[in-house]
Amino acid sequence: MVAGLRTVVAMKRLSGRPRNRNDLAELEAEHGELPIDPVPGLDD
């Protein structure tokens, strides 16, 4: 199974770890604006 970009972005946002924040910046540089779906517990 392969996770889609929306899922990867949501999981990295939810973790909040510094490495994942860097990953999000790299993904945004490569793919442009990232799809941001509301994450329960993060965007309440």
C-alpha atoms as a PDB file:
ATOM      1  CA  MET A   1       0.000   0.000   0.000  1.00  0.00           C
ATOM      2  CA  VAL A   2       1.208   3.498  -0.812  1.00  0.00           C
ATOM      3  CA  ALA A   3       0.042   6.628   1.009  1.00  0.00           C
ATOM      4  CA  GLY A   4      -1.107   9.561  -1.082  1.00  0.00           C
ATOM      5  CA  LEU A   5       0.297  13.066  -0.704  1.00  0.00           C
ATOM      6  CA  ARG A   6      -2.712  14.223   1.377  1.00  0.00           C
ATOM      7  CA  THR A   7      -2.176  11.392   3.847  1.00  0.00           C
ATOM      8  CA  VAL A   8       1.576  11.942   4.067  1.00  0.00           C
ATOM      9  CA  VAL A   9       1.069  15.666   4.694  1.00  0.00           C
ATOM     10  CA  ALA A  10      -1.547  15.004   7.387  1.00  0.00           C
ATOM     11  CA  MET A  11       0.625  12.454   9.203  1.00  0.00           C
ATOM     12  CA  LYS A  12       3.710  14.672   9.113  1.00  0.00           C
ATOM     13  CA  ARG A  13       1.710  17.647  10.395  1.00  0.00           C
ATOM     14  CA  LEU A  14       0.244  15.564  13.199  1.00  0.00           C
ATOM     15  CA  SER A  15       3.617  14.250  14.374  1.00  0.00           C
ATOM     16  CA  GLY A  16       5.048  17.759  14.783  1.00  0.00           C
ATOM     17  CA  ARG A  17       8.622  16.447  14.867  1.00  0.00           C
ATOM     18  CA  PRO A  18      11.331  18.797  13.533  1.00  0.00           C
ATOM     19  CA  ARG A  19      12.343  16.300  10.814  1.00  0.00           C
ATOM     20  CA  ASN A  20       8.741  16.072   9.601  1.00  0.00           C
ATOM     21  CA  ARG A  21       8.431  19.865   9.477  1.00  0.00           C
ATOM     22  CA  ASN A  22      11.554  19.886   7.278  1.00  0.00           C
ATOM     23  CA  ASP A  23      10.027  17.145   5.124  1.00  0.00           C
ATOM     24  CA  LEU A  24       6.907  19.277   4.651  1.00  0.00           C
ATOM     25  CA  ALA A  25       9.022  22.226   3.514  1.00  0.00           C
ATOM     26  CA  GLU A  26      10.845  19.981   1.030  1.00  0.00           C
ATOM     27  CA  LEU A  27       7.568  18.527  -0.260  1.00  0.00           C
ATOM     28  CA  GLU A  28       6.181  22.031  -0.722  1.00  0.00           C
ATOM     29  CA  ALA A  29       9.292  23.137  -2.615  1.00  0.00           C
ATOM     30  CA  GLU A  30       8.915  20.179  -4.959  1.00  0.00           C
ATOM     31  CA  HIS A  31       5.122  19.981  -5.333  1.00  0.00           C
ATOM     32  CA  GLY A  32       3.980  23.553  -4.700  1.00  0.00           C
ATOM     33  CA  GLU A  33       1.177  24.313  -2.275  1.00  0.00           C
ATOM     34  CA  LEU A  34       0.432  21.216  -0.242  1.00  0.00           C
ATOM     35  CA  PRO A  35      -3.070  19.819   0.249  1.00  0.00           C
ATOM     36  CA  ILE A  36      -3.984  20.641   3.843  1.00  0.00           C
ATOM     37  CA  ASP A  37      -6.943  18.686   5.187  1.00  0.00           C
ATOM     38  CA  PRO A  38      -8.155  19.325   8.735  1.00  0.00           C
ATOM     39  CA  VAL A  39      -6.546  16.885  11.169  1.00  0.00           C
ATOM     40  CA  PRO A  40      -8.582  16.020  14.293  1.00  0.00           C
ATOM     41  CA  GLY A  41      -6.604  16.923  17.397  1.00  0.00           C
ATOM     42  CA  LEU A  42      -4.437  19.362  15.454  1.00  0.00           C
ATOM     43  CA  ASP A  43      -6.907  21.689  13.765  1.00  0.00           C
ATOM     44  CA  ASP A  44      -9.757  21.628  16.303  1.00  0.00           C
END
